[in-house]
Amino acid sequence: MKILETVLKYDNHWKPKEAAFSASQLSTASNYQLWLAQEGREQNHEIPLELQIPSKIGTGFHMIAEEALQEFDNVYTELQMVNYIGDYMVSGTPDVVYFEDDMWIVGDYKTKGTYQMKKAIMEGVDEVKLQMSIYAYLFSKTKEVPMPIIGEVYLIHVGDKGWFTKKEIEKLMIPEKSTVPKYFTATVDLYGADEVESIVREKLETIVDEPELDCHNDGWNRCLYCTYECMFRVE
């Protein structure tokens, strides 16, 4: 039995059947990829096993975090939510939502390599703004509380030691010979409810009919519906 390969292939990601789309899909997938998902196309491209390693490390951290926070009041971990955003049923499972200083805050754990970690520290993490805003929207409707306006992204560095360049040190105003930190918290200002509804509606109204092919051939955004060779279209 190939133990490592079996573990790396294992996927226990939860997705409720009653929801047509998830927060992560809506925030990362192209219009064409969303259409494929809506059409019920089966995914037929497997992620290379070596790329599953950071994911599995992240999964382990999620499990420990859930156990560490379970006894705290006003803290929700891995809260599975399904609710309407406008006319669309959407699911979302934020890693953590907690109450502090008279407001709810949405949190998400991300394992990052050295380059990604530096980029997040230097430029922020706006790429997860929509995903976390959808979490905040669903949480507000599910728990009938004011919608969170702040998101926190907990970055865990899983790459090599890594050093900041002189230019990066000057921009960050940190001491010379600074190493990339092993963990870091980045904050995100979330969209409001009206903005979330508008963005989701605009995205999903474009996939009533088959949209134009709008995936990105950059090697980073493979949709998993296509073979490695064709990259995009499912025939």
C-alpha atoms as a PDB file:
ATOM      1  CA  MET A   1       0.000   0.000   0.000  1.00  0.00           C
ATOM      2  CA  LYS A   2       1.302   3.470  -0.891  1.00  0.00           C
ATOM      3  CA  ILE A   3       0.657   5.243   2.397  1.00  0.00           C
ATOM      4  CA  LEU A   4       1.840   8.748   1.481  1.00  0.00           C
ATOM      5  CA  GLU A   5       0.079   8.752  -1.869  1.00  0.00           C
ATOM      6  CA  THR A   6      -3.155   7.554  -0.256  1.00  0.00           C
ATOM      7  CA  VAL A   7      -3.037  10.320   2.359  1.00  0.00           C
ATOM      8  CA  LEU A   8      -2.203  13.038  -0.164  1.00  0.00           C
ATOM      9  CA  LYS A   9      -5.052  11.997  -2.451  1.00  0.00           C
ATOM     10  CA  TYR A  10      -7.608  11.980   0.357  1.00  0.00           C
ATOM     11  CA  ASP A  11     -10.089  14.858   0.263  1.00  0.00           C
ATOM     12  CA  ASN A  12     -12.760  15.275   2.929  1.00  0.00           C
ATOM     13  CA  HIS A  13     -13.835  18.779   1.879  1.00  0.00           C
ATOM     14  CA  TRP A  14     -17.429  19.364   2.912  1.00  0.00           C
ATOM     15  CA  LYS A  15     -19.907  20.758   0.388  1.00  0.00           C
ATOM     16  CA  PRO A  16     -23.645  20.744   1.079  1.00  0.00           C
ATOM     17  CA  LYS A  17     -25.681  19.378  -1.825  1.00  0.00           C
ATOM     18  CA  GLU A  18     -28.449  21.941  -1.394  1.00  0.00           C
ATOM     19  CA  ALA A  19     -26.102  24.814  -2.269  1.00  0.00           C
ATOM     20  CA  ALA A  20     -25.352  25.450  -5.925  1.00  0.00           C
ATOM     21  CA  PHE A  21     -22.148  27.371  -5.231  1.00  0.00           C
ATOM     22  CA  SER A  22     -19.630  27.834  -2.443  1.00  0.00           C
ATOM     23  CA  ALA A  23     -17.933  30.999  -1.258  1.00  0.00           C
ATOM     24  CA  SER A  24     -14.576  29.735  -2.490  1.00  0.00           C
ATOM     25  CA  GLN A  25     -15.974  28.984  -5.972  1.00  0.00           C
ATOM     26  CA  LEU A  26     -17.537  32.415  -6.289  1.00  0.00           C
ATOM     27  CA  SER A  27     -14.330  34.147  -5.254  1.00  0.00           C
ATOM     28  CA  THR A  28     -11.831  32.193  -7.369  1.00  0.00           C
ATOM     29  CA  ALA A  29     -13.544  30.551 -10.343  1.00  0.00           C
ATOM     30  CA  SER A  30     -13.908  32.196 -13.739  1.00  0.00           C
ATOM     31  CA  ASN A  31     -17.343  32.540 -15.342  1.00  0.00           C
ATOM     32  CA  TYR A  32     -16.661  29.521 -17.541  1.00  0.00           C
ATOM     33  CA  GLN A  33     -15.623  27.427 -14.549  1.00  0.00           C
ATOM     34  CA  LEU A  34     -18.791  28.453 -12.680  1.00  0.00           C
ATOM     35  CA  TRP A  35     -20.855  27.419 -15.688  1.00  0.00           C
ATOM     36  CA  LEU A  36     -19.137  24.024 -15.780  1.00  0.00           C
ATOM     37  CA  ALA A  37     -19.907  23.526 -12.097  1.00  0.00           C
ATOM     38  CA  GLN A  38     -23.534  24.538 -12.608  1.00  0.00           C
ATOM     39  CA  GLU A  39     -23.821  22.081 -15.479  1.00  0.00           C
ATOM     40  CA  GLY A  40     -22.686  19.302 -13.168  1.00  0.00           C
ATOM     41  CA  ARG A  41     -19.507  18.543 -15.090  1.00  0.00           C
ATOM     42  CA  GLU A  42     -17.268  16.134 -13.242  1.00  0.00           C
ATOM     43  CA  GLN A  43     -13.773  17.288 -12.409  1.00  0.00           C
ATOM     44  CA  ASN A  44     -11.229  15.172 -14.266  1.00  0.00           C
ATOM     45  CA  HIS A  45      -7.913  16.876 -13.610  1.00  0.00           C
ATOM     46  CA  GLU A  46      -6.036  15.759 -10.500  1.00  0.00           C
ATOM     47  CA  ILE A  47      -3.752  18.161  -8.695  1.00  0.00           C
ATOM     48  CA  PRO A  48      -0.162  16.812  -8.619  1.00  0.00           C
ATOM     49  CA  LEU A  49       0.510  15.124  -5.297  1.00  0.00           C
ATOM     50  CA  GLU A  50       3.446  17.368  -4.408  1.00  0.00           C
ATOM     51  CA  LEU A  51       1.086  20.350  -4.530  1.00  0.00           C
ATOM     52  CA  GLN A  52      -1.153  18.624  -1.977  1.00  0.00           C
ATOM     53  CA  ILE A  53       1.516  18.798   0.732  1.00  0.00           C
ATOM     54  CA  PRO A  54       0.922  22.443   1.796  1.00  0.00           C
ATOM     55  CA  SER A  55      -2.814  21.713   1.707  1.00  0.00           C
ATOM     56  CA  LYS A  56      -2.433  18.747   4.046  1.00  0.00           C
ATOM     57  CA  ILE A  57      -0.249  20.802   6.400  1.00  0.00           C
ATOM     58  CA  GLY A  58      -2.987  23.421   6.375  1.00  0.00           C
ATOM     59  CA  THR A  59      -5.628  20.787   7.110  1.00  0.00           C
ATOM     60  CA  GLY A  60      -3.648  19.632  10.125  1.00  0.00           C
ATOM     61  CA  PHE A  61      -3.379  23.197  11.386  1.00  0.00           C
ATOM     62  CA  HIS A  62      -7.141  23.646  10.925  1.00  0.00           C
ATOM     63  CA  MET A  63      -7.814  20.574  13.049  1.00  0.00           C
ATOM     64  CA  ILE A  64      -5.543  21.765  15.851  1.00  0.00           C
ATOM     65  CA  ALA A  65      -7.018  25.273  15.703  1.00  0.00           C
ATOM     66  CA  GLU A  66     -10.566  23.946  15.962  1.00  0.00           C
ATOM     67  CA  GLU A  67      -9.634  21.938  19.063  1.00  0.00           C
ATOM     68  CA  ALA A  68      -7.709  24.842  20.625  1.00  0.00           C
ATOM     69  CA  LEU A  69     -10.630  27.268  20.286  1.00  0.00           C
ATOM     70  CA  GLN A  70     -13.559  24.999  21.070  1.00  0.00           C
ATOM     71  CA  GLU A  71     -13.958  26.010  24.717  1.00  0.00           C
ATOM     72  CA  PHE A  72     -13.949  29.775  24.142  1.00  0.00           C
ATOM     73  CA  ASP A  73     -17.224  31.701  24.282  1.00  0.00           C
ATOM     74  CA  ASN A  74     -18.385  33.634  21.211  1.00  0.00           C
ATOM     75  CA  VAL A  75     -16.025  31.727  18.930  1.00  0.00           C
ATOM     76  CA  TYR A  76     -17.299  29.621  16.036  1.00  0.00           C
ATOM     77  CA  THR A  77     -14.943  27.258  14.214  1.00  0.00           C
ATOM     78  CA  GLU A  78     -15.661  25.476  10.921  1.00  0.00           C
ATOM     79  CA  LEU A  79     -19.248  26.758  10.986  1.00  0.00           C
ATOM     80  CA  GLN A  80     -21.060  25.184   8.019  1.00  0.00           C
ATOM     81  CA  MET A  81     -23.551  27.664   6.599  1.00  0.00           C
ATOM     82  CA  VAL A  82     -26.041  27.564   3.720  1.00  0.00           C
ATOM     83  CA  ASN A  83     -28.192  30.558   2.903  1.00  0.00           C
ATOM     84  CA  TYR A  84     -29.465  32.748   0.118  1.00  0.00           C
ATOM     85  CA  ILE A  85     -27.519  35.613  -1.370  1.00  0.00           C
ATOM     86  CA  GLY A  86     -30.219  37.274  -3.418  1.00  0.00           C
ATOM     87  CA  ASP A  87     -31.858  34.463  -5.395  1.00  0.00           C
ATOM     88  CA  TYR A  88     -28.909  32.084  -5.122  1.00  0.00           C
ATOM     89  CA  MET A  89     -28.247  29.421  -2.502  1.00  0.00           C
ATOM     90  CA  VAL A  90     -24.609  29.650  -1.401  1.00  0.00           C
ATOM     91  CA  SER A  91     -22.553  27.665   1.110  1.00  0.00           C
ATOM     92  CA  GLY A  92     -19.587  28.738   3.168  1.00  0.00           C
ATOM     93  CA  THR A  93     -17.463  27.382   6.011  1.00  0.00           C
ATOM     94  CA  PRO A  94     -15.235  30.030   7.600  1.00  0.00           C
ATOM     95  CA  ASP A  95     -12.340  28.720   9.656  1.00  0.00           C
ATOM     96  CA  VAL A  96     -13.238  30.949  12.590  1.00  0.00           C
ATOM     97  CA  VAL A  97     -15.643  33.750  13.492  1.00  0.00           C
ATOM     98  CA  TYR A  98     -15.234  35.431  16.860  1.00  0.00           C
ATOM     99  CA  PHE A  99     -16.628  38.371  18.829  1.00  0.00           C
ATOM    100  CA  GLU A 100     -14.305  41.053  20.181  1.00  0.00           C
ATOM    101  CA  ASP A 101     -14.540  44.796  20.851  1.00  0.00           C
ATOM    102  CA  ASP A 102     -18.291  44.806  20.156  1.00  0.00           C
ATOM    103  CA  MET A 103     -18.065  43.280  16.686  1.00  0.00           C
ATOM    104  CA  TRP A 104     -17.783  39.967  14.881  1.00  0.00           C
ATOM    105  CA  ILE A 105     -14.580  39.181  12.983  1.00  0.00           C
ATOM    106  CA  VAL A 106     -14.121  36.528  10.290  1.00  0.00           C
ATOM    107  CA  GLY A 107     -10.820  34.612  10.231  1.00  0.00           C
ATOM    108  CA  ASP A 108      -9.187  32.292   7.700  1.00  0.00           C
ATOM    109  CA  TYR A 109      -6.004  30.188   7.873  1.00  0.00           C
ATOM    110  CA  LYS A 110      -3.726  30.102   4.814  1.00  0.00           C
ATOM    111  CA  THR A 111      -0.529  28.104   4.395  1.00  0.00           C
ATOM    112  CA  LYS A 112       1.914  29.927   2.131  1.00  0.00           C
ATOM    113  CA  GLY A 113       5.281  29.311   0.544  1.00  0.00           C
ATOM    114  CA  THR A 114       8.067  31.884   0.894  1.00  0.00           C
ATOM    115  CA  TYR A 115       7.205  33.879  -2.227  1.00  0.00           C
ATOM    116  CA  GLN A 116       3.467  33.922  -1.434  1.00  0.00           C
ATOM    117  CA  MET A 117       4.151  34.854   2.183  1.00  0.00           C
ATOM    118  CA  LYS A 118       6.306  37.815   1.185  1.00  0.00           C
ATOM    119  CA  LYS A 119       3.740  38.927  -1.383  1.00  0.00           C
ATOM    120  CA  ALA A 120       0.931  38.809   1.188  1.00  0.00           C
ATOM    121  CA  ILE A 121       2.944  40.831   3.705  1.00  0.00           C
ATOM    122  CA  MET A 122       4.024  43.356   1.065  1.00  0.00           C
ATOM    123  CA  GLU A 123       0.798  43.750  -0.896  1.00  0.00           C
ATOM    124  CA  GLY A 124      -1.999  42.488   1.356  1.00  0.00           C
ATOM    125  CA  VAL A 125      -4.467  39.673   0.740  1.00  0.00           C
ATOM    126  CA  ASP A 126      -7.249  41.319  -1.259  1.00  0.00           C
ATOM    127  CA  GLU A 127      -7.629  38.119  -3.316  1.00  0.00           C
ATOM    128  CA  VAL A 128      -9.626  36.623  -0.427  1.00  0.00           C
ATOM    129  CA  LYS A 129     -11.768  39.723   0.173  1.00  0.00           C
ATOM    130  CA  LEU A 130     -14.823  38.397  -1.679  1.00  0.00           C
ATOM    131  CA  GLN A 131     -14.610  34.937  -0.122  1.00  0.00           C
ATOM    132  CA  MET A 132     -14.416  36.344   3.402  1.00  0.00           C
ATOM    133  CA  SER A 133     -17.146  38.898   2.648  1.00  0.00           C
ATOM    134  CA  ILE A 134     -19.446  36.056   1.568  1.00  0.00           C
ATOM    135  CA  TYR A 135     -18.634  34.277   4.831  1.00  0.00           C
ATOM    136  CA  ALA A 136     -19.528  37.464   6.711  1.00  0.00           C
ATOM    137  CA  TYR A 137     -22.795  37.815   4.775  1.00  0.00           C
ATOM    138  CA  LEU A 138     -23.818  34.208   5.426  1.00  0.00           C
ATOM    139  CA  PHE A 139     -22.855  34.462   9.098  1.00  0.00           C
ATOM    140  CA  SER A 140     -24.954  37.603   9.540  1.00  0.00           C
ATOM    141  CA  LYS A 141     -28.030  35.929   8.026  1.00  0.00           C
ATOM    142  CA  THR A 142     -27.489  32.602   9.790  1.00  0.00           C
ATOM    143  CA  LYS A 143     -26.940  34.038  13.274  1.00  0.00           C
ATOM    144  CA  GLU A 144     -29.060  37.193  12.781  1.00  0.00           C
ATOM    145  CA  VAL A 145     -26.260  39.506  13.918  1.00  0.00           C
ATOM    146  CA  PRO A 146     -24.631  42.596  12.358  1.00  0.00           C
ATOM    147  CA  MET A 147     -22.471  41.656   9.389  1.00  0.00           C
ATOM    148  CA  PRO A 148     -18.724  41.515  10.159  1.00  0.00           C
ATOM    149  CA  ILE A 149     -16.747  44.283   8.471  1.00  0.00           C
ATOM    150  CA  ILE A 150     -13.240  43.010   9.255  1.00  0.00           C
ATOM    151  CA  GLY A 151     -11.519  39.854   8.106  1.00  0.00           C
ATOM    152  CA  GLU A 152      -8.294  38.402   9.444  1.00  0.00           C
ATOM    153  CA  VAL A 153      -6.082  36.091   7.403  1.00  0.00           C
ATOM    154  CA  TYR A 154      -3.730  33.976   9.488  1.00  0.00           C
ATOM    155  CA  LEU A 155      -0.722  33.212   7.306  1.00  0.00           C
ATOM    156  CA  ILE A 156       1.423  30.189   8.130  1.00  0.00           C
ATOM    157  CA  HIS A 157       4.771  30.042   6.329  1.00  0.00           C
ATOM    158  CA  VAL A 158       5.521  26.513   5.095  1.00  0.00           C
ATOM    159  CA  GLY A 159       8.449  27.390   2.828  1.00  0.00           C
ATOM    160  CA  ASP A 160      12.160  27.716   3.461  1.00  0.00           C
ATOM    161  CA  LYS A 161      13.613  30.365   5.772  1.00  0.00           C
ATOM    162  CA  GLY A 162      13.607  33.201   3.233  1.00  0.00           C
ATOM    163  CA  TRP A 163      15.016  36.716   3.511  1.00  0.00           C
ATOM    164  CA  PHE A 164      13.581  40.091   2.595  1.00  0.00           C
ATOM    165  CA  THR A 165      15.422  42.025  -0.109  1.00  0.00           C
ATOM    166  CA  LYS A 166      16.853  45.474   0.615  1.00  0.00           C
ATOM    167  CA  LYS A 167      13.998  47.069  -1.320  1.00  0.00           C
ATOM    168  CA  GLU A 168      11.406  45.093   0.639  1.00  0.00           C
ATOM    169  CA  ILE A 169      13.093  45.984   3.931  1.00  0.00           C
ATOM    170  CA  GLU A 170      12.910  49.678   3.032  1.00  0.00           C
ATOM    171  CA  LYS A 171       9.226  49.411   2.121  1.00  0.00           C
ATOM    172  CA  LEU A 172       8.291  47.513   5.273  1.00  0.00           C
ATOM    173  CA  MET A 173      10.572  49.614   7.505  1.00  0.00           C
ATOM    174  CA  ILE A 174      12.029  46.563   9.209  1.00  0.00           C
ATOM    175  CA  PRO A 175      15.608  45.844  10.333  1.00  0.00           C
ATOM    176  CA  GLU A 176      18.154  44.608   7.814  1.00  0.00           C
ATOM    177  CA  LYS A 177      18.679  40.850   7.502  1.00  0.00           C
ATOM    178  CA  SER A 178      15.057  40.219   8.472  1.00  0.00           C
ATOM    179  CA  THR A 179      13.745  36.748   7.730  1.00  0.00           C
ATOM    180  CA  VAL A 180      10.276  35.978   6.453  1.00  0.00           C
ATOM    181  CA  PRO A 181       8.138  35.317   9.563  1.00  0.00           C
ATOM    182  CA  LYS A 182       6.740  31.849  10.153  1.00  0.00           C
ATOM    183  CA  TYR A 183       3.315  33.311  10.936  1.00  0.00           C
ATOM    184  CA  PHE A 184       1.612  36.636  10.294  1.00  0.00           C
ATOM    185  CA  THR A 185      -1.896  38.114  10.548  1.00  0.00           C
ATOM    186  CA  ALA A 186      -3.159  40.290   7.692  1.00  0.00           C
ATOM    187  CA  THR A 187      -6.420  42.258   7.923  1.00  0.00           C
ATOM    188  CA  VAL A 188      -9.000  42.800   5.189  1.00  0.00           C
ATOM    189  CA  ASP A 189     -11.752  45.414   4.988  1.00  0.00           C
ATOM    190  CA  LEU A 190     -14.799  43.430   3.858  1.00  0.00           C
ATOM    191  CA  TYR A 191     -17.519  44.343   1.378  1.00  0.00           C
ATOM    192  CA  GLY A 192     -20.899  45.373   2.720  1.00  0.00           C
ATOM    193  CA  ALA A 193     -24.078  43.338   2.206  1.00  0.00           C
ATOM    194  CA  ASP A 194     -25.227  45.333  -0.839  1.00  0.00           C
ATOM    195  CA  GLU A 195     -21.835  44.915  -2.507  1.00  0.00           C
ATOM    196  CA  VAL A 196     -21.798  41.155  -1.866  1.00  0.00           C
ATOM    197  CA  GLU A 197     -25.288  40.759  -3.324  1.00  0.00           C
ATOM    198  CA  SER A 198     -24.365  42.842  -6.366  1.00  0.00           C
ATOM    199  CA  ILE A 199     -21.114  40.960  -7.082  1.00  0.00           C
ATOM    200  CA  VAL A 200     -22.685  37.527  -6.688  1.00  0.00           C
ATOM    201  CA  ARG A 201     -25.695  38.471  -8.833  1.00  0.00           C
ATOM    202  CA  GLU A 202     -23.452  39.880 -11.573  1.00  0.00           C
ATOM    203  CA  LYS A 203     -21.289  36.736 -11.553  1.00  0.00           C
ATOM    204  CA  LEU A 204     -24.145  34.254 -11.702  1.00  0.00           C
ATOM    205  CA  GLU A 205     -26.290  36.139 -14.210  1.00  0.00           C
ATOM    206  CA  THR A 206     -23.491  35.685 -16.744  1.00  0.00           C
ATOM    207  CA  ILE A 207     -23.700  31.873 -16.662  1.00  0.00           C
ATOM    208  CA  VAL A 208     -27.339  31.363 -17.646  1.00  0.00           C
ATOM    209  CA  ASP A 209     -25.958  30.384 -21.056  1.00  0.00           C
ATOM    210  CA  GLU A 210     -22.481  29.070 -21.818  1.00  0.00           C
ATOM    211  CA  PRO A 211     -20.148  32.072 -21.376  1.00  0.00           C
ATOM    212  CA  GLU A 212     -17.033  32.838 -23.355  1.00  0.00           C
ATOM    213  CA  LEU A 213     -13.929  30.950 -22.328  1.00  0.00           C
ATOM    214  CA  ASP A 214     -12.377  33.244 -19.714  1.00  0.00           C
ATOM    215  CA  CYS A 215      -9.981  30.988 -17.793  1.00  0.00           C
ATOM    216  CA  HIS A 216      -6.429  32.240 -17.389  1.00  0.00           C
ATOM    217  CA  ASN A 217      -3.679  30.300 -19.091  1.00  0.00           C
ATOM    218  CA  ASP A 218      -1.066  31.254 -16.537  1.00  0.00           C
ATOM    219  CA  GLY A 219      -0.420  27.850 -14.992  1.00  0.00           C
ATOM    220  CA  TRP A 220      -1.909  28.902 -11.649  1.00  0.00           C
ATOM    221  CA  ASN A 221      -5.647  28.826 -12.224  1.00  0.00           C
ATOM    222  CA  ARG A 222      -6.393  25.313 -13.456  1.00  0.00           C
ATOM    223  CA  CYS A 223     -10.069  24.662 -13.056  1.00  0.00           C
ATOM    224  CA  LEU A 224      -9.825  20.881 -12.486  1.00  0.00           C
ATOM    225  CA  TYR A 225     -12.530  20.263 -15.104  1.00  0.00           C
ATOM    226  CA  CYS A 226     -10.105  19.978 -17.988  1.00  0.00           C
ATOM    227  CA  THR A 227      -7.149  17.771 -18.726  1.00  0.00           C
ATOM    228  CA  TYR A 228      -3.670  19.095 -18.094  1.00  0.00           C
ATOM    229  CA  GLU A 229      -3.013  19.196 -21.825  1.00  0.00           C
ATOM    230  CA  CYS A 230      -6.033  21.207 -22.939  1.00  0.00           C
ATOM    231  CA  MET A 231      -6.053  23.267 -19.715  1.00  0.00           C
ATOM    232  CA  PHE A 232      -9.493  24.722 -20.320  1.00  0.00           C
ATOM    233  CA  ARG A 233     -12.339  23.287 -22.305  1.00  0.00           C
ATOM    234  CA  VAL A 234     -14.305  20.167 -21.506  1.00  0.00           C
ATOM    235  CA  GLU A 235     -15.617  18.581 -24.712  1.00  0.00           C
END
